[in-house]
Amino acid sequence: MAVKRVVANIASPDTGKAQSFYGDVLGMDLAMDHGWIVTFAGERGAMAQVSIAAEGGAGTPVPDFSVEVDNLEEVLEKVQAKGLGIEYGPADEPWGVRRFYVRDPFGRLVNILQHA
């Protein structure tokens, strides 16, 4: 038995709001749209992981989930252009990542990071 995929599910009566953040800001592709559920996906072969944390590191709250990107500055520019508030960072962390926290349209705290 092998886990093939881990999917974060976010409850919302308005799935259309997802495109602005997950599609436009993060550049994820719309992989499925049944009206009542939309799924955005990154590159094929992306790792599936689950983390359990007592804090988010550096004294921050635990984010709802983390998204690793290949160009943090580009994503940061898109977040700022959309007027989304940064809740933490950007910060260079001692464990080798540069990251920031932002809330998605559904109020979820998202840790956006790039490994140094």
N, C-alpha and C. Protein backbone atom coordinates (compact mmCIF):
# COMPACT_ATOMS: atom_id res chain seq x y z
N MET A 1 0.85 -1.17 0.00
CA MET A 1 0.00 0.00 0.00
C MET A 1 0.89 1.23 0.00
N ALA A 2 0.53 2.22 -0.81
CA ALA A 2 1.26 3.48 -0.87
C ALA A 2 0.28 4.63 -0.98
N VAL A 3 0.54 5.69 -0.26
CA VAL A 3 -0.27 6.91 -0.39
C VAL A 3 0.11 7.56 -1.71
N LYS A 4 -0.87 7.85 -2.53
CA LYS A 4 -0.62 8.45 -3.84
C LYS A 4 -0.84 9.95 -3.85
N ARG A 5 -1.67 10.46 -2.89
CA ARG A 5 -2.00 11.88 -2.93
C ARG A 5 -2.58 12.29 -1.60
N VAL A 6 -2.29 13.51 -1.19
CA VAL A 6 -2.93 14.13 -0.04
C VAL A 6 -3.57 15.41 -0.53
N VAL A 7 -4.85 15.61 -0.24
CA VAL A 7 -5.59 16.78 -0.72
C VAL A 7 -6.16 17.54 0.47
N ALA A 8 -5.91 18.82 0.54
CA ALA A 8 -6.53 19.67 1.56
C ALA A 8 -7.93 20.04 1.06
N ASN A 9 -8.93 19.85 1.90
CA ASN A 9 -10.30 20.22 1.56
C ASN A 9 -10.72 21.41 2.40
N ILE A 10 -11.19 22.47 1.76
CA ILE A 10 -11.60 23.70 2.43
C ILE A 10 -13.08 23.90 2.16
N ALA A 11 -13.87 23.96 3.22
CA ALA A 11 -15.31 24.14 3.07
C ALA A 11 -15.63 25.59 2.72
N SER A 12 -16.47 25.79 1.69
CA SER A 12 -16.92 27.12 1.30
C SER A 12 -18.15 27.00 0.42
N PRO A 13 -19.14 27.88 0.64
CA PRO A 13 -20.30 27.87 -0.25
C PRO A 13 -19.99 28.53 -1.61
N ASP A 14 -18.85 29.21 -1.73
CA ASP A 14 -18.50 29.92 -2.97
C ASP A 14 -17.15 29.42 -3.48
N THR A 15 -17.16 28.33 -4.23
CA THR A 15 -15.91 27.76 -4.74
C THR A 15 -15.26 28.65 -5.80
N GLY A 16 -16.00 29.56 -6.39
CA GLY A 16 -15.47 30.44 -7.42
C GLY A 16 -14.37 31.38 -6.92
N LYS A 17 -14.38 31.68 -5.63
CA LYS A 17 -13.36 32.58 -5.07
C LYS A 17 -11.96 31.96 -5.10
N ALA A 18 -11.87 30.67 -5.30
CA ALA A 18 -10.59 29.97 -5.26
C ALA A 18 -9.67 30.37 -6.42
N GLN A 19 -10.22 30.65 -7.59
CA GLN A 19 -9.40 30.96 -8.77
C GLN A 19 -8.47 32.15 -8.53
N SER A 20 -8.97 33.19 -7.90
CA SER A 20 -8.17 34.40 -7.67
C SER A 20 -6.90 34.11 -6.88
N PHE A 21 -6.99 33.27 -5.86
CA PHE A 21 -5.83 33.00 -5.02
C PHE A 21 -5.02 31.81 -5.53
N TYR A 22 -5.65 30.66 -5.66
CA TYR A 22 -4.93 29.44 -6.02
C TYR A 22 -4.52 29.41 -7.49
N GLY A 23 -5.33 29.97 -8.36
CA GLY A 23 -4.98 30.03 -9.77
C GLY A 23 -4.12 31.23 -10.11
N ASP A 24 -4.62 32.45 -9.81
CA ASP A 24 -3.92 33.67 -10.21
C ASP A 24 -2.66 33.95 -9.40
N VAL A 25 -2.72 33.81 -8.07
CA VAL A 25 -1.56 34.12 -7.23
C VAL A 25 -0.55 32.99 -7.24
N LEU A 26 -1.01 31.77 -6.99
CA LEU A 26 -0.08 30.64 -6.88
C LEU A 26 0.19 29.93 -8.20
N GLY A 27 -0.57 30.25 -9.24
CA GLY A 27 -0.31 29.66 -10.56
C GLY A 27 -0.67 28.19 -10.66
N MET A 28 -1.57 27.74 -9.80
CA MET A 28 -2.00 26.34 -9.86
C MET A 28 -3.03 26.18 -10.97
N ASP A 29 -3.07 24.99 -11.55
CA ASP A 29 -4.00 24.70 -12.63
C ASP A 29 -5.31 24.15 -12.07
N LEU A 30 -6.42 24.55 -12.68
CA LEU A 30 -7.72 23.99 -12.33
C LEU A 30 -7.75 22.56 -12.88
N ALA A 31 -7.71 21.58 -11.98
CA ALA A 31 -7.65 20.18 -12.40
C ALA A 31 -9.04 19.54 -12.48
N MET A 32 -9.99 20.09 -11.71
CA MET A 32 -11.33 19.52 -11.69
C MET A 32 -12.32 20.59 -11.26
N ASP A 33 -13.49 20.62 -11.91
CA ASP A 33 -14.55 21.55 -11.52
C ASP A 33 -15.89 20.86 -11.71
N HIS A 34 -16.50 20.48 -10.59
CA HIS A 34 -17.83 19.88 -10.63
C HIS A 34 -18.89 20.87 -10.13
N GLY A 35 -18.50 22.14 -9.99
CA GLY A 35 -19.43 23.14 -9.50
C GLY A 35 -19.43 23.19 -7.98
N TRP A 36 -19.68 22.09 -7.34
CA TRP A 36 -19.71 22.03 -5.88
C TRP A 36 -18.32 21.80 -5.29
N ILE A 37 -17.37 21.37 -6.12
CA ILE A 37 -15.97 21.19 -5.70
C ILE A 37 -15.07 21.57 -6.87
N VAL A 38 -14.03 22.32 -6.56
CA VAL A 38 -12.98 22.62 -7.54
C VAL A 38 -11.67 22.16 -6.93
N THR A 39 -10.79 21.65 -7.78
CA THR A 39 -9.49 21.19 -7.32
C THR A 39 -8.42 21.85 -8.17
N PHE A 40 -7.45 22.44 -7.48
CA PHE A 40 -6.30 23.05 -8.14
C PHE A 40 -5.09 22.18 -7.88
N ALA A 41 -4.22 22.06 -8.88
CA ALA A 41 -3.05 21.19 -8.75
C ALA A 41 -1.80 21.91 -9.22
N GLY A 42 -0.70 21.53 -8.61
CA GLY A 42 0.61 22.02 -9.02
C GLY A 42 1.22 21.04 -10.00
N GLU A 43 2.53 21.02 -10.04
CA GLU A 43 3.24 20.13 -10.96
C GLU A 43 2.96 18.67 -10.64
N ARG A 44 2.96 17.86 -11.66
CA ARG A 44 2.85 16.41 -11.47
C ARG A 44 4.06 15.96 -10.66
N GLY A 45 3.86 15.02 -9.79
CA GLY A 45 4.95 14.50 -8.98
C GLY A 45 5.19 15.29 -7.71
N ALA A 46 4.33 16.28 -7.43
CA ALA A 46 4.48 17.03 -6.19
C ALA A 46 4.31 16.09 -5.01
N MET A 47 5.10 16.30 -3.97
CA MET A 47 5.06 15.41 -2.82
C MET A 47 3.79 15.59 -1.99
N ALA A 48 3.32 14.50 -1.44
CA ALA A 48 2.21 14.52 -0.51
C ALA A 48 2.80 14.39 0.90
N GLN A 49 2.47 15.31 1.77
CA GLN A 49 3.00 15.30 3.13
C GLN A 49 1.92 15.74 4.10
N VAL A 50 2.03 15.29 5.32
CA VAL A 50 1.18 15.73 6.41
C VAL A 50 2.10 16.11 7.56
N SER A 51 1.94 17.31 8.11
CA SER A 51 2.73 17.76 9.25
C SER A 51 1.83 17.99 10.44
N ILE A 52 2.31 17.65 11.63
CA ILE A 52 1.60 17.88 12.88
C ILE A 52 2.50 18.79 13.70
N ALA A 53 2.00 19.95 14.14
CA ALA A 53 2.85 20.95 14.77
C ALA A 53 2.21 21.55 16.00
N ALA A 54 3.05 21.89 16.98
CA ALA A 54 2.61 22.59 18.18
C ALA A 54 2.64 24.10 17.97
N GLU A 55 3.42 24.55 16.99
CA GLU A 55 3.50 25.96 16.60
C GLU A 55 3.95 26.02 15.16
N GLY A 56 3.92 27.21 14.58
CA GLY A 56 4.30 27.37 13.18
C GLY A 56 5.77 27.67 12.98
N GLY A 57 6.56 27.67 14.05
CA GLY A 57 7.97 28.03 13.95
C GLY A 57 8.14 29.51 14.16
N ALA A 58 9.22 29.91 14.79
CA ALA A 58 9.52 31.32 15.07
C ALA A 58 8.40 31.97 15.89
N GLY A 59 7.70 31.16 16.68
CA GLY A 59 6.64 31.69 17.53
C GLY A 59 5.35 32.03 16.83
N THR A 60 5.18 31.58 15.59
CA THR A 60 3.98 31.89 14.81
C THR A 60 2.91 30.83 15.06
N PRO A 61 1.64 31.15 14.73
CA PRO A 61 0.60 30.14 14.83
C PRO A 61 0.80 29.06 13.77
N VAL A 62 0.25 27.89 14.02
CA VAL A 62 0.33 26.80 13.04
C VAL A 62 -0.53 27.18 11.83
N PRO A 63 0.06 27.23 10.63
CA PRO A 63 -0.74 27.52 9.45
C PRO A 63 -1.63 26.32 9.11
N ASP A 64 -2.71 26.59 8.40
CA ASP A 64 -3.59 25.51 7.98
C ASP A 64 -2.89 24.57 7.01
N PHE A 65 -2.06 25.13 6.14
CA PHE A 65 -1.22 24.32 5.28
C PHE A 65 -0.11 25.18 4.69
N SER A 66 0.87 24.51 4.10
CA SER A 66 2.03 25.17 3.51
C SER A 66 2.07 24.88 2.02
N VAL A 67 2.52 25.87 1.26
CA VAL A 67 2.69 25.73 -0.18
C VAL A 67 4.13 26.11 -0.51
N GLU A 68 4.90 25.14 -1.00
CA GLU A 68 6.28 25.43 -1.42
C GLU A 68 6.25 25.89 -2.87
N VAL A 69 6.93 27.00 -3.15
CA VAL A 69 6.99 27.57 -4.50
C VAL A 69 8.44 27.66 -4.96
N ASP A 70 8.62 27.87 -6.26
CA ASP A 70 9.98 27.98 -6.77
C ASP A 70 10.45 29.43 -6.89
N ASN A 71 9.54 30.40 -6.68
CA ASN A 71 9.93 31.81 -6.74
C ASN A 71 9.07 32.60 -5.76
N LEU A 72 9.52 32.66 -4.53
CA LEU A 72 8.74 33.31 -3.47
C LEU A 72 8.51 34.79 -3.76
N GLU A 73 9.50 35.48 -4.29
CA GLU A 73 9.36 36.92 -4.54
C GLU A 73 8.27 37.20 -5.57
N GLU A 74 8.14 36.34 -6.57
CA GLU A 74 7.08 36.51 -7.58
C GLU A 74 5.71 36.34 -6.94
N VAL A 75 5.56 35.33 -6.09
CA VAL A 75 4.28 35.11 -5.42
C VAL A 75 3.98 36.27 -4.46
N LEU A 76 5.00 36.74 -3.75
CA LEU A 76 4.83 37.87 -2.84
C LEU A 76 4.34 39.10 -3.59
N GLU A 77 4.88 39.36 -4.76
CA GLU A 77 4.43 40.49 -5.59
C GLU A 77 2.97 40.34 -5.97
N LYS A 78 2.55 39.14 -6.34
CA LYS A 78 1.16 38.90 -6.72
C LYS A 78 0.22 39.09 -5.53
N VAL A 79 0.64 38.62 -4.37
CA VAL A 79 -0.15 38.79 -3.15
C VAL A 79 -0.33 40.27 -2.84
N GLN A 80 0.76 41.02 -2.92
CA GLN A 80 0.71 42.45 -2.64
C GLN A 80 -0.12 43.20 -3.68
N ALA A 81 -0.02 42.79 -4.95
CA ALA A 81 -0.79 43.44 -6.02
C ALA A 81 -2.29 43.24 -5.82
N LYS A 82 -2.68 42.12 -5.23
CA LYS A 82 -4.09 41.86 -4.95
C LYS A 82 -4.54 42.50 -3.64
N GLY A 83 -3.61 43.14 -2.92
CA GLY A 83 -3.96 43.81 -1.67
C GLY A 83 -4.21 42.86 -0.51
N LEU A 84 -3.67 41.66 -0.61
CA LEU A 84 -3.84 40.69 0.48
C LEU A 84 -2.85 41.01 1.60
N GLY A 85 -3.31 40.95 2.83
CA GLY A 85 -2.45 41.28 3.96
C GLY A 85 -1.51 40.15 4.32
N ILE A 86 -0.25 40.50 4.48
CA ILE A 86 0.75 39.53 4.93
C ILE A 86 0.65 39.45 6.45
N GLU A 87 0.47 38.27 6.99
CA GLU A 87 0.31 38.11 8.44
C GLU A 87 1.63 37.81 9.15
N TYR A 88 2.63 37.38 8.40
CA TYR A 88 3.96 37.13 8.95
C TYR A 88 4.96 37.16 7.80
N GLY A 89 6.12 37.76 8.07
CA GLY A 89 7.19 37.76 7.07
C GLY A 89 7.02 38.86 6.04
N PRO A 90 7.76 38.72 4.95
CA PRO A 90 8.62 37.59 4.63
C PRO A 90 9.82 37.51 5.59
N ALA A 91 10.22 36.27 5.87
CA ALA A 91 11.30 36.04 6.83
C ALA A 91 12.21 34.92 6.34
N ASP A 92 13.49 35.11 6.56
CA ASP A 92 14.48 34.06 6.32
C ASP A 92 14.64 33.30 7.62
N GLU A 93 14.22 32.04 7.63
CA GLU A 93 14.21 31.25 8.86
C GLU A 93 15.49 30.46 9.03
N PRO A 94 15.89 30.22 10.28
CA PRO A 94 17.15 29.50 10.53
C PRO A 94 17.15 28.05 10.04
N TRP A 95 15.98 27.49 9.72
CA TRP A 95 15.94 26.11 9.23
C TRP A 95 16.01 26.05 7.71
N GLY A 96 16.33 27.19 7.06
CA GLY A 96 16.65 27.16 5.63
C GLY A 96 15.54 27.47 4.67
N VAL A 97 14.51 28.18 5.12
CA VAL A 97 13.46 28.59 4.20
C VAL A 97 13.23 30.09 4.31
N ARG A 98 12.73 30.66 3.24
CA ARG A 98 12.22 32.04 3.24
C ARG A 98 10.72 31.87 3.07
N ARG A 99 9.92 32.60 3.88
CA ARG A 99 8.49 32.36 3.85
C ARG A 99 7.69 33.58 4.31
N PHE A 100 6.39 33.50 4.05
CA PHE A 100 5.44 34.47 4.60
C PHE A 100 4.09 33.77 4.77
N TYR A 101 3.26 34.37 5.62
CA TYR A 101 1.91 33.87 5.86
C TYR A 101 0.91 34.84 5.24
N VAL A 102 -0.12 34.29 4.63
CA VAL A 102 -1.21 35.08 4.06
C VAL A 102 -2.49 34.24 4.22
N ARG A 103 -3.62 34.90 4.29
CA ARG A 103 -4.90 34.18 4.36
C ARG A 103 -5.49 34.06 2.96
N ASP A 104 -6.01 32.89 2.66
CA ASP A 104 -6.68 32.69 1.38
C ASP A 104 -8.09 33.29 1.47
N PRO A 105 -8.88 33.28 0.40
CA PRO A 105 -10.21 33.89 0.44
C PRO A 105 -11.17 33.24 1.42
N PHE A 106 -10.80 32.08 1.95
CA PHE A 106 -11.67 31.34 2.86
C PHE A 106 -11.22 31.48 4.32
N GLY A 107 -10.22 32.34 4.55
CA GLY A 107 -9.74 32.59 5.91
C GLY A 107 -8.68 31.62 6.39
N ARG A 108 -8.23 30.73 5.55
CA ARG A 108 -7.20 29.77 5.94
C ARG A 108 -5.83 30.43 5.93
N LEU A 109 -5.05 30.15 6.97
CA LEU A 109 -3.69 30.69 7.06
C LEU A 109 -2.76 29.81 6.24
N VAL A 110 -2.14 30.41 5.22
CA VAL A 110 -1.29 29.68 4.29
C VAL A 110 0.15 30.12 4.47
N ASN A 111 1.02 29.16 4.70
CA ASN A 111 2.46 29.38 4.79
C ASN A 111 3.04 29.18 3.41
N ILE A 112 3.48 30.25 2.76
CA ILE A 112 4.09 30.15 1.43
C ILE A 112 5.59 30.23 1.63
N LEU A 113 6.31 29.23 1.10
CA LEU A 113 7.74 29.12 1.39
C LEU A 113 8.55 28.71 0.17
N GLN A 114 9.84 29.03 0.27
CA GLN A 114 10.83 28.57 -0.72
C GLN A 114 12.06 28.16 0.06
N HIS A 115 12.59 26.98 -0.29
CA HIS A 115 13.82 26.54 0.36
C HIS A 115 15.00 27.36 -0.17
N ALA A 116 15.90 27.70 0.74
CA ALA A 116 17.06 28.52 0.37
C ALA A 116 18.05 27.72 -0.46
